[in-house]
Amino acid sequence: MKMIERLFFIILFALTSQNLLAQISAPDLYCIKGDTVRWDLPVVTCGPVQSYNLYYATSYNGPYSLLANITDINQTEYIYSNSPGGILYYYMETVASCGGMTSLSSDTLDNASPLPVSIRNVTVVGNDIDLNWSKGLSPETAAYIVYQGLGGGVVVALDTVSTLNYIDTNKSTSDTSYTYYIVALDRCGGTSIFSEPHSSLLLKGVIDTCQQEIDLSFTNYNGWAGKTQYILLQSIDGGTEIPIDTTMNPGFVLTEILDDVDYCFRIKAMNEDGSLSSFSNKVCLHSKKGKTLHSICIDQIKSESGTNVEKTGIQLTTNDNILLNNILLQRAKDKLTIANSQEQQLEAPFDNFVSIDMDKEVTFYRMISVDACGNRVYSGIFNNLILDARLNLDNTVDINWNALDWEDGNVMGYRVERISANGNAEQLATLSEDVLSYTDHLMVGKDNDTRYCYRVTGTVDLTCNNITHTINVISNEACVEKTAGGYMANAFVQGGSFPEYMPIFYFKESIAAYKMIIFDRYGNKVFQTNNPDKGWDGNFSGQPLPNGVYSYYVHIKSGNGTEQILKGGVTLLR
């Protein structure tokens, strides 16, 4: 019984299918332009075609009337010359000798422009933008024109396609949001009005290494009716993309980011019922944290030697060996006012080395660096070392200097040096940190130098970043000129131990000008010289003078401008 039922249904299906296949095809009515109806010829194999019937109505639902019986079976166009105007609806049938088979009806078309289409979504795929739209509702729609909006009502046609998809390639998807329109097109060249525009999502992101956060912002998706939901997607170091936030706001801040990590983000937009979605461009950021500057310390001071120190090089050290990009300098006469003193921009440091103009009097200094985050970091306050040297009448030299005062540092002591004319330094004394003076006793006949220069070096132990640096702070060089002078004997024995009568000099090498004159008892000049190496031999014009008392006048001028005049009497003896 089951076999018989199955056979019955197979026969019934075959007869039904044969009947369906035996229907007479209608002309392919593809467009109406104005009052002109156009179609493609049908393919009829069941029998000869006799004519085509063209029907029309003023309403889609009818009633339809026969407009024309077209007997020219090769005709593909009909003009309704007496058209009543307005929107008319048409369809066609084929009349053929096919043994009573039924005729199929063509699509029903109207003479209006194609209906507009709806864009489904516009989504970013790398550097491309993928557009998708719904099929046109008008059966005469044969193709679609894709337009891009340029703003200000200006549009440009990109392409004409017959598909429901278009990819706009090689776009700047990371910089620009793009707007698109779709227009339906029939085979007669009729077009629909523009679809509602859709704009792609644009995501922007910046990393704030100072605040250790990532700031994201995006443009809204434009095109869907109703509310749009936005989902922030994140992947780390190329891992799986996961949603981390669902928001209606066009912005997001990711805080407490990890160090040395690749973060990538996209925005997924969804329409109100969740049936459509669009993706933004991908933004990838690396979260390498910069080192934070929190200390600046003096590591070395390289002073130029000289009477007045004009330039001083300062080597700075920082935590984590961070290189400084800029240095400001403050200076004041005391520590209490330096915080309010003017800030001087120094030349950009090279390898944390800067050069500053040092004052010629005691001054306090402070360095400031401003990092990329605007944080101001200060060095400790420190002062320079100013030396003064004064020559006394007894040819001693009093040397005095100010106390070093370095924040976070301990002054260990001072070293006093005498600098010779050839630049050699002779250490005179090493003194404790509380001694700020020294007296040098010049020795007659020790050397031929006429000028003595002095320098003091202070030693400071400075602790920075738990490391103690020993810094040598060098003063200016202070110089004095030796003062020449002499003593005169009150008697001279001609032919005695001293062949000539002259002063007994001290610091003779410092004499800049000299004069000695001898007078007899009557005031007559019997001898004169400007040579300190030449004395009076007791003669006048080569002839011995008689014993007796003679007067002398001696003028000694030193290189430092000091003058000495010696006057008195000398007894000549034989």
Protein backbone atom coordinates (compact mmCIF):
# COMPACT_ATOMS: atom_id res chain seq x y z
CA MET A 1 0.00 0.00 0.00
CA LYS A 2 2.80 2.40 0.87
CA MET A 3 4.52 1.68 -2.46
CA ILE A 4 1.32 2.56 -4.37
CA GLU A 5 0.91 5.87 -2.46
CA ARG A 6 4.48 6.81 -3.19
CA LEU A 7 4.05 6.07 -6.89
CA PHE A 8 0.89 8.18 -6.98
CA PHE A 9 2.63 11.23 -5.51
CA ILE A 10 5.54 10.91 -7.94
CA ILE A 11 3.18 10.85 -10.92
CA LEU A 12 1.18 13.79 -9.52
CA PHE A 13 4.38 15.84 -9.00
CA ALA A 14 5.58 15.10 -12.54
CA LEU A 15 2.26 16.19 -14.06
CA THR A 16 2.25 19.38 -11.97
CA SER A 17 5.83 20.24 -12.91
CA GLN A 18 5.12 19.60 -16.58
CA ASN A 19 2.14 21.91 -16.42
CA LEU A 20 4.25 24.66 -14.80
CA LEU A 21 7.01 24.28 -17.34
CA ALA A 22 4.49 24.49 -20.13
CA GLN A 23 3.43 28.09 -19.33
CA ILE A 24 4.03 30.74 -22.01
CA SER A 25 6.76 33.22 -21.11
CA ALA A 26 5.88 36.94 -21.04
CA PRO A 27 8.02 39.72 -22.53
CA ASP A 28 10.63 41.04 -20.11
CA LEU A 29 9.14 44.48 -19.39
CA TYR A 30 12.11 46.41 -18.06
CA CYS A 31 11.30 50.14 -18.03
CA ILE A 32 8.86 52.90 -18.88
CA LYS A 33 10.33 56.23 -19.77
CA GLY A 34 7.64 58.89 -19.95
CA ASP A 35 4.98 57.34 -22.22
CA THR A 36 7.35 54.86 -23.84
CA VAL A 37 7.15 51.22 -22.75
CA ARG A 38 10.15 48.99 -23.44
CA TRP A 39 10.66 45.25 -23.17
CA ASP A 40 12.88 42.36 -24.20
CA LEU A 41 11.43 39.60 -26.42
CA PRO A 42 10.43 36.40 -24.65
CA VAL A 43 11.70 32.91 -25.44
CA VAL A 44 8.72 30.72 -26.44
CA THR A 45 9.33 27.10 -27.54
CA CYS A 46 5.84 25.61 -27.25
CA GLY A 47 4.53 27.19 -30.44
CA PRO A 48 4.58 30.25 -32.69
CA VAL A 49 4.12 33.70 -31.10
CA GLN A 50 1.13 35.56 -32.52
CA SER A 51 1.21 38.89 -30.61
CA TYR A 52 1.79 40.67 -27.29
CA ASN A 53 -0.92 42.16 -25.10
CA LEU A 54 -0.04 45.40 -23.23
CA TYR A 55 -2.27 46.27 -20.25
CA TYR A 56 -2.37 49.47 -18.17
CA ALA A 57 -4.11 50.91 -15.10
CA THR A 58 -4.02 54.08 -13.06
CA SER A 59 -3.59 52.07 -9.86
CA TYR A 60 -1.22 49.24 -9.09
CA ASN A 61 -4.13 47.07 -7.98
CA GLY A 62 -6.13 47.78 -11.15
CA PRO A 63 -8.45 47.35 -12.84
CA TYR A 64 -6.17 46.89 -15.87
CA SER A 65 -7.33 47.49 -19.44
CA LEU A 66 -5.91 46.22 -22.68
CA LEU A 67 -3.94 49.11 -24.15
CA ALA A 68 -2.66 47.41 -27.28
CA ASN A 69 -2.40 44.07 -29.04
CA ILE A 70 1.00 44.20 -30.68
CA THR A 71 1.16 41.86 -33.69
CA ASP A 72 4.73 42.68 -34.67
CA ILE A 73 6.41 39.96 -32.66
CA ASN A 74 9.83 41.65 -33.06
CA GLN A 75 8.63 44.99 -31.66
CA THR A 76 10.30 45.97 -28.34
CA GLU A 77 8.82 49.43 -27.73
CA TYR A 78 5.37 51.03 -27.54
CA ILE A 79 4.46 54.72 -27.20
CA TYR A 80 1.18 55.55 -25.46
CA SER A 81 0.40 58.62 -27.56
CA ASN A 82 -2.90 59.43 -25.84
CA SER A 83 -1.65 58.94 -22.32
CA PRO A 84 -3.92 60.52 -19.72
CA GLY A 85 -0.81 61.57 -17.75
CA GLY A 86 0.03 60.83 -14.18
CA ILE A 87 1.40 57.58 -12.90
CA LEU A 88 0.35 54.60 -15.01
CA TYR A 89 1.03 50.92 -14.36
CA TYR A 90 1.76 48.39 -17.11
CA TYR A 91 2.25 44.68 -17.61
CA MET A 92 2.46 42.40 -20.71
CA GLU A 93 1.50 38.89 -21.81
CA THR A 94 2.50 36.75 -24.81
CA VAL A 95 -0.19 35.32 -27.14
CA ALA A 96 1.09 32.06 -28.70
CA SER A 97 -0.32 28.89 -30.31
CA CYS A 98 0.59 26.48 -27.54
CA GLY A 99 -2.39 24.19 -27.25
CA GLY A 100 -4.28 25.99 -24.50
CA MET A 101 -1.32 26.69 -22.25
CA THR A 102 -1.66 29.68 -19.94
CA SER A 103 0.38 32.87 -20.43
CA LEU A 104 2.55 34.29 -17.70
CA SER A 105 2.37 38.01 -16.85
CA SER A 106 5.43 40.23 -16.81
CA ASP A 107 6.45 42.36 -13.84
CA THR A 108 4.17 45.32 -13.27
CA LEU A 109 6.08 48.55 -13.84
CA ASP A 110 5.07 52.20 -13.58
CA ASN A 111 6.25 55.28 -15.40
CA ALA A 112 7.62 56.88 -12.22
CA SER A 113 11.29 56.97 -11.35
CA PRO A 114 12.69 53.94 -9.48
CA LEU A 115 12.05 53.95 -5.78
CA PRO A 116 15.05 54.89 -3.60
CA VAL A 117 17.09 52.19 -1.94
CA SER A 118 18.25 51.95 1.69
CA ILE A 119 21.89 51.59 2.70
CA ARG A 120 22.26 48.80 5.21
CA ASN A 121 25.70 49.70 6.56
CA VAL A 122 29.03 51.36 5.81
CA THR A 123 31.95 49.70 7.58
CA VAL A 124 35.73 50.15 7.62
CA VAL A 125 37.88 47.19 6.63
CA GLY A 126 41.53 48.20 6.92
CA ASN A 127 42.08 50.96 4.35
CA ASP A 128 38.86 50.08 2.51
CA ILE A 129 35.24 50.95 3.17
CA ASP A 130 32.60 48.30 2.52
CA LEU A 131 29.10 49.53 1.51
CA ASN A 132 26.01 47.32 1.56
CA TRP A 133 22.43 48.20 0.64
CA SER A 134 19.01 46.60 0.17
CA LYS A 135 17.63 45.60 -3.24
CA GLY A 136 15.58 48.33 -4.90
CA LEU A 137 11.83 47.95 -4.42
CA SER A 138 11.10 48.93 -8.01
CA PRO A 139 11.24 45.90 -10.35
CA GLU A 140 12.67 48.12 -13.11
CA THR A 141 15.78 48.77 -11.04
CA ALA A 142 18.70 47.33 -12.98
CA ALA A 143 21.78 48.90 -11.38
CA TYR A 144 22.97 51.25 -8.66
CA ILE A 145 25.14 54.38 -8.69
CA VAL A 146 27.47 54.84 -5.70
CA TYR A 147 28.16 58.43 -4.69
CA GLN A 148 30.54 59.91 -2.12
CA GLY A 149 29.55 63.07 -0.29
CA LEU A 150 32.26 65.71 -0.16
CA GLY A 151 30.44 68.09 2.16
CA GLY A 152 28.54 71.28 1.49
CA GLY A 153 26.01 69.42 -0.71
CA VAL A 154 28.72 68.31 -3.17
CA VAL A 155 28.75 64.65 -4.27
CA VAL A 156 30.86 62.69 -6.72
CA ALA A 157 29.89 59.46 -8.51
CA LEU A 158 32.28 56.60 -7.74
CA ASP A 159 30.89 53.72 -9.78
CA THR A 160 27.79 52.03 -11.25
CA VAL A 161 27.26 48.43 -10.15
CA SER A 162 24.58 45.77 -10.43
CA THR A 163 25.43 44.18 -7.09
CA LEU A 164 24.26 45.18 -3.62
CA ASN A 165 27.79 45.79 -2.40
CA TYR A 166 30.66 48.15 -3.17
CA ILE A 167 34.18 48.46 -1.72
CA ASP A 168 35.80 51.88 -1.80
CA THR A 169 39.51 51.09 -1.66
CA ASN A 170 42.64 52.83 -0.40
CA LYS A 171 40.97 55.43 1.78
CA SER A 172 42.48 57.37 4.67
CA THR A 173 40.26 55.57 7.13
CA SER A 174 42.41 56.59 10.11
CA ASP A 175 42.03 60.30 9.36
CA THR A 176 38.63 60.84 7.74
CA SER A 177 35.00 59.78 8.04
CA TYR A 178 33.44 59.12 4.61
CA THR A 179 29.80 59.67 3.58
CA TYR A 180 28.02 57.70 0.85
CA TYR A 181 24.74 57.73 -1.10
CA ILE A 182 23.14 55.09 -3.36
CA VAL A 183 20.87 55.86 -6.35
CA ALA A 184 18.73 53.19 -8.10
CA LEU A 185 19.01 53.13 -11.90
CA ASP A 186 16.72 51.54 -14.52
CA ARG A 187 17.67 50.48 -18.04
CA CYS A 188 16.12 53.60 -19.52
CA GLY A 189 18.43 55.81 -17.51
CA GLY A 190 15.85 56.76 -14.92
CA THR A 191 17.16 57.22 -11.45
CA SER A 192 15.71 57.28 -7.98
CA ILE A 193 16.30 60.05 -5.53
CA PHE A 194 19.37 59.75 -3.31
CA SER A 195 19.25 57.33 -0.45
CA GLU A 196 19.71 58.55 3.09
CA PRO A 197 23.44 59.10 3.61
CA HIS A 198 25.55 56.81 5.76
CA SER A 199 28.92 57.87 7.21
CA SER A 200 31.74 55.65 8.36
CA LEU A 201 32.97 55.57 11.92
CA LEU A 202 36.23 57.39 12.63
CA LEU A 203 38.17 56.48 15.77
CA LYS A 204 41.00 58.64 17.09
CA GLY A 205 43.32 57.79 19.95
CA VAL A 206 46.25 59.34 21.79
CA ILE A 207 48.39 57.98 24.58
CA ASP A 208 49.21 60.25 27.50
CA THR A 209 52.45 58.94 28.98
CA CYS A 210 52.32 61.59 31.67
CA GLN A 211 48.92 60.53 33.02
CA GLN A 212 49.42 56.91 31.92
CA GLU A 213 46.13 56.76 30.09
CA ILE A 214 44.74 56.42 26.59
CA ASP A 215 42.15 58.90 25.33
CA LEU A 216 39.81 57.66 22.60
CA SER A 217 37.17 59.61 20.67
CA PHE A 218 35.03 58.69 17.69
CA THR A 219 32.49 60.17 15.32
CA ASN A 220 28.91 58.94 15.53
CA TYR A 221 27.63 56.54 12.90
CA ASN A 222 25.13 58.42 10.75
CA GLY A 223 22.41 56.67 8.74
CA TRP A 224 20.34 54.36 10.88
CA ALA A 225 17.00 55.34 12.31
CA GLY A 226 16.61 55.06 16.08
CA LYS A 227 19.32 54.80 18.67
CA THR A 228 22.79 53.51 17.88
CA GLN A 229 24.77 51.47 20.36
CA TYR A 230 28.58 51.67 20.44
CA ILE A 231 30.87 48.94 21.70
CA LEU A 232 34.56 49.54 22.34
CA LEU A 233 36.69 46.57 21.31
CA GLN A 234 40.22 46.07 22.56
CA SER A 235 43.07 43.68 21.82
CA ILE A 236 46.45 43.53 23.59
CA ASP A 237 49.67 42.50 21.86
CA GLY A 238 47.78 41.04 18.91
CA GLY A 239 45.47 38.92 21.07
CA THR A 240 41.74 38.33 20.78
CA GLU A 241 39.55 41.38 20.37
CA ILE A 242 37.16 41.71 23.30
CA PRO A 243 34.52 44.31 24.24
CA ILE A 244 35.56 46.47 27.19
CA ASP A 245 32.87 49.14 27.20
CA THR A 246 29.37 49.76 25.91
CA THR A 247 28.58 53.42 25.73
CA MET A 248 26.47 56.01 24.00
CA ASN A 249 29.17 58.66 24.41
CA PRO A 250 31.68 59.39 21.64
CA GLY A 251 34.68 59.12 23.94
CA PHE A 252 36.48 56.84 26.36
CA VAL A 253 39.51 57.06 28.67
CA LEU A 254 41.49 53.94 29.50
CA THR A 255 43.43 54.44 32.74
CA GLU A 256 46.17 52.48 34.49
CA ILE A 257 47.54 51.12 31.25
CA LEU A 258 50.22 48.45 31.31
CA ASP A 259 53.80 49.23 30.38
CA ASP A 260 55.38 48.25 27.05
CA VAL A 261 52.14 46.91 25.58
CA ASP A 262 50.54 47.22 22.13
CA TYR A 263 46.92 48.29 22.54
CA CYS A 264 44.55 48.16 19.55
CA PHE A 265 40.97 49.48 19.53
CA ARG A 266 37.94 49.53 17.26
CA ILE A 267 34.40 50.82 17.66
CA LYS A 268 31.52 48.56 16.71
CA ALA A 269 28.26 50.40 16.06
CA MET A 270 24.92 48.54 16.08
CA ASN A 271 21.48 49.73 15.03
CA GLU A 272 18.60 49.75 17.46
CA ASP A 273 17.50 46.12 16.98
CA GLY A 274 21.04 44.83 16.62
CA SER A 275 20.52 43.48 13.10
CA LEU A 276 23.11 45.75 11.47
CA SER A 277 26.63 46.70 12.50
CA SER A 278 29.51 48.87 11.38
CA PHE A 279 33.17 48.95 12.43
CA SER A 280 35.52 51.89 12.72
CA ASN A 281 39.15 52.01 11.72
CA LYS A 282 41.62 50.31 14.05
CA VAL A 283 43.80 52.47 16.32
CA CYS A 284 46.96 50.88 17.73
CA LEU A 285 49.10 52.55 20.40
CA HIS A 286 52.21 51.45 22.26
CA SER A 287 52.23 52.14 25.98
CA LYS A 288 55.97 52.49 26.57
CA LYS A 289 56.26 54.48 29.77
CA GLY A 290 58.88 57.19 29.90
CA LYS A 291 61.17 57.48 32.88
CA THR A 292 60.05 60.10 35.34
CA LEU A 293 62.57 62.75 36.30
CA HIS A 294 62.60 63.46 40.01
CA SER A 295 66.14 64.55 40.86
CA ILE A 296 68.87 66.76 39.40
CA CYS A 297 72.25 66.87 41.12
CA ILE A 298 75.60 68.52 40.50
CA ASP A 299 78.13 65.85 39.60
CA GLN A 300 81.15 67.90 38.51
CA ILE A 301 82.14 71.54 38.19
CA LYS A 302 84.75 72.43 35.61
CA SER A 303 85.87 75.99 36.20
CA GLU A 304 88.18 77.88 33.92
CA SER A 305 91.15 79.24 35.84
CA GLY A 306 91.86 82.93 35.68
CA THR A 307 91.65 86.13 37.61
CA ASN A 308 87.88 86.13 37.07
CA VAL A 309 86.01 82.94 36.30
CA GLU A 310 83.69 83.81 33.42
CA LYS A 311 82.43 80.39 32.32
CA THR A 312 81.88 77.31 34.41
CA GLY A 313 80.86 73.93 33.03
CA ILE A 314 78.53 71.91 35.22
CA GLN A 315 77.97 68.19 34.77
CA LEU A 316 74.57 67.16 36.04
CA THR A 317 73.36 63.74 37.07
CA THR A 318 69.75 62.55 37.19
CA ASN A 319 67.83 59.57 38.41
CA ASP A 320 67.90 56.65 35.94
CA ASN A 321 70.42 58.64 33.85
CA ILE A 322 67.59 60.56 32.19
CA LEU A 323 68.86 63.02 29.61
CA LEU A 324 67.69 66.58 30.14
CA ASN A 325 66.15 68.52 27.25
CA ASN A 326 66.16 71.93 28.85
CA ILE A 327 67.68 73.75 31.80
CA LEU A 328 66.62 76.95 33.55
CA LEU A 329 68.93 78.77 35.97
CA GLN A 330 68.06 80.93 38.96
CA ARG A 331 70.59 83.08 40.82
CA ALA A 332 70.38 85.30 43.88
CA LYS A 333 72.60 86.88 46.51
CA ASP A 334 71.12 84.74 49.26
CA LYS A 335 69.21 81.49 49.57
CA LEU A 336 66.06 83.12 50.89
CA THR A 337 65.30 85.04 47.71
CA ILE A 338 66.35 82.53 45.05
CA ALA A 339 62.86 80.98 44.81
CA ASN A 340 61.49 84.30 43.51
CA SER A 341 64.42 85.14 41.26
CA GLN A 342 64.21 85.33 37.50
CA GLU A 343 64.62 82.12 35.51
CA GLN A 344 67.25 82.17 32.78
CA GLN A 345 66.98 79.76 29.86
CA LEU A 346 70.33 78.08 29.25
CA GLU A 347 71.47 76.48 26.05
CA ALA A 348 70.16 72.95 25.59
CA PRO A 349 72.36 70.59 27.62
CA PHE A 350 74.51 68.05 25.80
CA ASP A 351 74.73 64.79 27.69
CA ASN A 352 73.54 66.69 30.79
CA PHE A 353 76.41 69.16 30.60
CA VAL A 354 75.73 72.89 30.72
CA SER A 355 77.85 76.02 30.78
CA ILE A 356 76.89 79.03 32.87
CA ASP A 357 78.22 82.53 33.41
CA MET A 358 79.50 82.68 36.97
CA ASP A 359 79.22 85.89 38.96
CA LYS A 360 82.34 87.64 40.25
CA GLU A 361 80.89 87.85 43.71
CA VAL A 362 79.31 85.30 46.01
CA THR A 363 76.06 84.09 44.41
CA PHE A 364 73.60 81.27 45.03
CA TYR A 365 72.34 79.17 42.12
CA ARG A 366 69.62 76.65 41.40
CA MET A 367 68.92 74.59 38.26
CA ILE A 368 65.44 73.71 37.02
CA SER A 369 64.36 71.25 34.35
CA VAL A 370 60.82 70.97 32.97
CA ASP A 371 59.97 67.54 31.56
CA ALA A 372 57.59 66.72 28.72
CA CYS A 373 54.73 66.43 31.19
CA GLY A 374 55.32 69.93 32.55
CA ASN A 375 56.78 68.73 35.85
CA ARG A 376 59.40 71.05 37.32
CA VAL A 377 62.36 69.40 39.01
CA TYR A 378 64.87 71.47 41.03
CA SER A 379 68.48 70.88 41.87
CA GLY A 380 69.81 71.72 45.30
CA ILE A 381 70.85 75.32 45.97
CA PHE A 382 74.61 75.88 45.76
CA ASN A 383 77.02 78.82 45.74
CA ASN A 384 80.29 79.73 44.09
CA LEU A 385 83.65 80.19 45.75
CA ILE A 386 85.13 83.69 45.59
CA LEU A 387 88.72 84.32 46.69
CA ASP A 388 90.37 87.61 47.62
CA ALA A 389 94.14 88.10 48.10
CA ARG A 390 95.74 91.23 49.60
CA LEU A 391 99.44 92.10 49.87
CA ASN A 392 100.54 93.67 53.13
CA LEU A 393 103.42 96.12 53.66
CA ASP A 394 105.42 93.37 55.26
CA ASN A 395 105.07 91.36 52.06
CA THR A 396 102.68 88.85 53.52
CA VAL A 397 99.57 87.95 51.57
CA ASP A 398 96.23 87.57 53.33
CA ILE A 399 93.93 85.14 51.46
CA ASN A 400 90.22 85.05 52.31
CA TRP A 401 87.23 83.20 50.81
CA ASN A 402 83.57 82.63 51.49
CA ALA A 403 82.11 79.48 52.99
CA LEU A 404 80.60 76.94 50.61
CA ASP A 405 76.91 76.33 51.27
CA TRP A 406 75.50 73.40 49.30
CA GLU A 407 72.09 71.91 49.85
CA ASP A 408 72.27 68.16 50.57
CA GLY A 409 76.07 68.41 50.66
CA ASN A 410 78.79 68.33 53.31
CA VAL A 411 81.79 70.64 52.96
CA MET A 412 84.89 68.57 53.70
CA GLY A 413 87.57 71.30 53.59
CA TYR A 414 89.65 73.65 51.46
CA ARG A 415 92.97 73.40 49.65
CA VAL A 416 95.05 76.57 49.13
CA GLU A 417 97.41 76.74 46.17
CA ARG A 418 99.88 79.25 44.80
CA ILE A 419 100.01 79.42 41.00
CA SER A 420 103.36 80.29 39.46
CA ALA A 421 103.89 82.25 36.28
CA ASN A 422 104.26 79.05 34.27
CA GLY A 423 100.96 77.73 35.60
CA ASN A 424 102.32 75.22 38.07
CA ALA A 425 100.33 74.89 41.28
CA GLU A 426 102.07 74.62 44.63
CA GLN A 427 99.91 73.45 47.51
CA LEU A 428 100.32 75.74 50.51
CA ALA A 429 97.83 74.28 52.96
CA THR A 430 94.92 71.91 53.49
CA LEU A 431 92.37 73.40 55.86
CA SER A 432 89.21 72.21 57.59
CA GLU A 433 85.76 73.33 56.51
CA ASP A 434 85.54 76.05 59.19
CA VAL A 435 88.78 77.85 58.16
CA LEU A 436 88.21 80.55 55.56
CA SER A 437 91.56 82.39 55.48
CA TYR A 438 95.28 81.82 55.07
CA THR A 439 98.41 84.04 55.20
CA ASP A 440 101.27 83.43 52.80
CA HIS A 441 104.69 84.78 53.79
CA LEU A 442 106.62 85.79 50.72
CA MET A 443 110.31 84.95 50.92
CA VAL A 444 112.99 87.22 49.51
CA GLY A 445 115.12 85.62 46.83
CA LYS A 446 113.00 82.52 46.54
CA ASP A 447 112.21 83.02 42.87
CA ASN A 448 112.20 85.62 40.16
CA ASP A 449 108.42 85.85 39.91
CA THR A 450 107.02 89.30 40.39
CA ARG A 451 103.42 88.19 40.59
CA TYR A 452 101.80 85.57 42.78
CA CYS A 453 98.36 84.07 42.11
CA TYR A 454 96.28 82.01 44.50
CA ARG A 455 93.44 79.53 44.15
CA VAL A 456 91.29 77.73 46.67
CA THR A 457 89.51 74.46 46.00
CA GLY A 458 86.63 73.44 48.24
CA THR A 459 85.60 69.78 48.48
CA VAL A 460 81.93 68.88 48.89
CA ASP A 461 80.45 65.42 49.38
CA LEU A 462 76.99 65.53 47.80
CA THR A 463 74.52 62.66 48.12
CA CYS A 464 72.15 62.18 45.19
CA ASN A 465 69.98 59.15 44.47
CA ASN A 466 71.69 57.38 47.38
CA ILE A 467 75.10 57.87 45.72
CA THR A 468 77.73 60.20 47.19
CA HIS A 469 79.59 62.41 44.70
CA THR A 470 82.77 64.24 45.63
CA ILE A 471 82.78 67.64 43.97
CA ASN A 472 85.71 70.02 43.75
CA VAL A 473 84.57 73.64 43.69
CA ILE A 474 87.34 75.84 42.35
CA SER A 475 87.53 79.52 43.16
CA ASN A 476 88.66 82.33 40.94
CA GLU A 477 92.38 83.14 40.88
CA ALA A 478 93.42 86.17 42.93
CA CYS A 479 96.84 87.66 42.20
CA VAL A 480 99.21 90.12 43.92
CA GLU A 481 102.39 91.82 42.69
CA LYS A 482 105.50 91.62 44.88
CA THR A 483 106.55 95.03 46.25
CA ALA A 484 110.20 95.89 45.70
CA GLY A 485 112.12 97.86 48.33
CA GLY A 486 115.48 98.40 49.91
CA TYR A 487 117.57 99.50 52.90
CA MET A 488 120.51 101.96 52.82
CA ALA A 489 123.74 101.64 54.89
CA ASN A 490 124.90 104.77 56.72
CA ALA A 491 128.58 104.24 55.86
CA PHE A 492 130.58 103.17 52.81
CA VAL A 493 134.26 102.10 52.93
CA GLN A 494 135.82 102.63 49.56
CA GLY A 495 137.79 99.52 48.64
CA GLY A 496 136.05 97.56 51.38
CA SER A 497 133.85 94.43 51.22
CA PHE A 498 131.29 96.15 48.98
CA PRO A 499 132.84 97.76 45.91
CA GLU A 500 129.79 99.97 45.31
CA TYR A 501 127.33 101.75 47.47
CA MET A 502 123.66 100.88 46.66
CA PRO A 503 120.49 99.80 48.44
CA ILE A 504 120.18 96.37 49.95
CA PHE A 505 117.16 95.28 47.86
CA TYR A 506 114.35 92.91 48.59
CA PHE A 507 112.14 91.63 45.72
CA LYS A 508 114.52 93.37 43.39
CA GLU A 509 112.89 91.50 40.47
CA SER A 510 109.73 93.58 40.99
CA ILE A 511 111.44 96.92 40.32
CA ALA A 512 109.70 98.75 37.49
CA ALA A 513 111.52 102.11 37.81
CA TYR A 514 114.57 103.15 39.79
CA LYS A 515 116.74 106.23 40.50
CA MET A 516 119.62 106.83 42.91
CA ILE A 517 121.42 110.23 43.36
CA ILE A 518 124.44 111.09 45.63
CA PHE A 519 125.10 114.70 46.70
CA ASP A 520 128.15 116.21 48.40
CA ARG A 521 127.86 118.38 51.48
CA TYR A 522 127.34 121.42 49.28
CA GLY A 523 124.46 119.91 47.37
CA ASN A 524 126.41 119.10 44.28
CA LYS A 525 125.39 115.94 42.43
CA VAL A 526 128.32 113.55 42.39
CA PHE A 527 126.56 110.37 41.17
CA GLN A 528 123.26 109.33 39.50
CA THR A 529 121.97 106.05 38.02
CA ASN A 530 118.72 104.44 36.88
CA ASN A 531 120.21 100.96 36.97
CA PRO A 532 119.51 99.11 40.22
CA ASP A 533 122.50 96.88 39.46
CA LYS A 534 124.96 99.84 39.46
CA GLY A 535 126.13 101.59 42.61
CA TRP A 536 128.42 104.51 43.67
CA ASP A 537 132.12 103.64 43.95
CA GLY A 538 133.06 106.78 46.00
CA ASN A 539 134.55 108.62 43.03
CA PHE A 540 133.48 111.58 40.96
CA SER A 541 134.54 111.74 37.33
CA GLY A 542 137.02 108.96 38.07
CA GLN A 543 138.67 110.79 40.97
CA PRO A 544 138.35 109.73 44.63
CA LEU A 545 136.26 112.00 46.74
CA PRO A 546 137.33 113.05 50.21
CA ASN A 547 136.07 111.40 53.31
CA GLY A 548 132.99 112.93 54.77
CA VAL A 549 129.19 112.81 54.89
CA TYR A 550 127.28 112.64 51.63
CA SER A 551 123.52 112.65 51.00
CA TYR A 552 121.55 110.04 49.00
CA TYR A 553 118.16 110.03 47.32
CA VAL A 554 116.68 106.67 46.12
CA HIS A 555 113.34 106.19 44.30
CA ILE A 556 112.07 102.58 43.87
CA LYS A 557 108.83 101.93 41.96
CA SER A 558 107.38 98.37 41.95
CA GLY A 559 105.46 96.68 39.18
CA ASN A 560 102.30 96.88 41.28
CA GLY A 561 102.63 100.68 41.35
CA THR A 562 103.98 100.93 44.90
CA GLU A 563 106.71 103.55 45.33
CA GLN A 564 109.42 103.83 48.00
CA ILE A 565 111.71 106.88 48.55
CA LEU A 566 114.82 106.57 50.67
CA LYS A 567 116.66 109.75 51.90
CA GLY A 568 119.54 110.13 54.26
CA GLY A 569 123.27 110.55 54.77
CA VAL A 570 126.16 108.16 54.22
CA THR A 571 129.73 108.55 55.56
CA LEU A 572 132.47 107.89 53.00
CA LEU A 573 135.61 106.29 54.49
CA ARG A 574 138.95 105.13 53.12
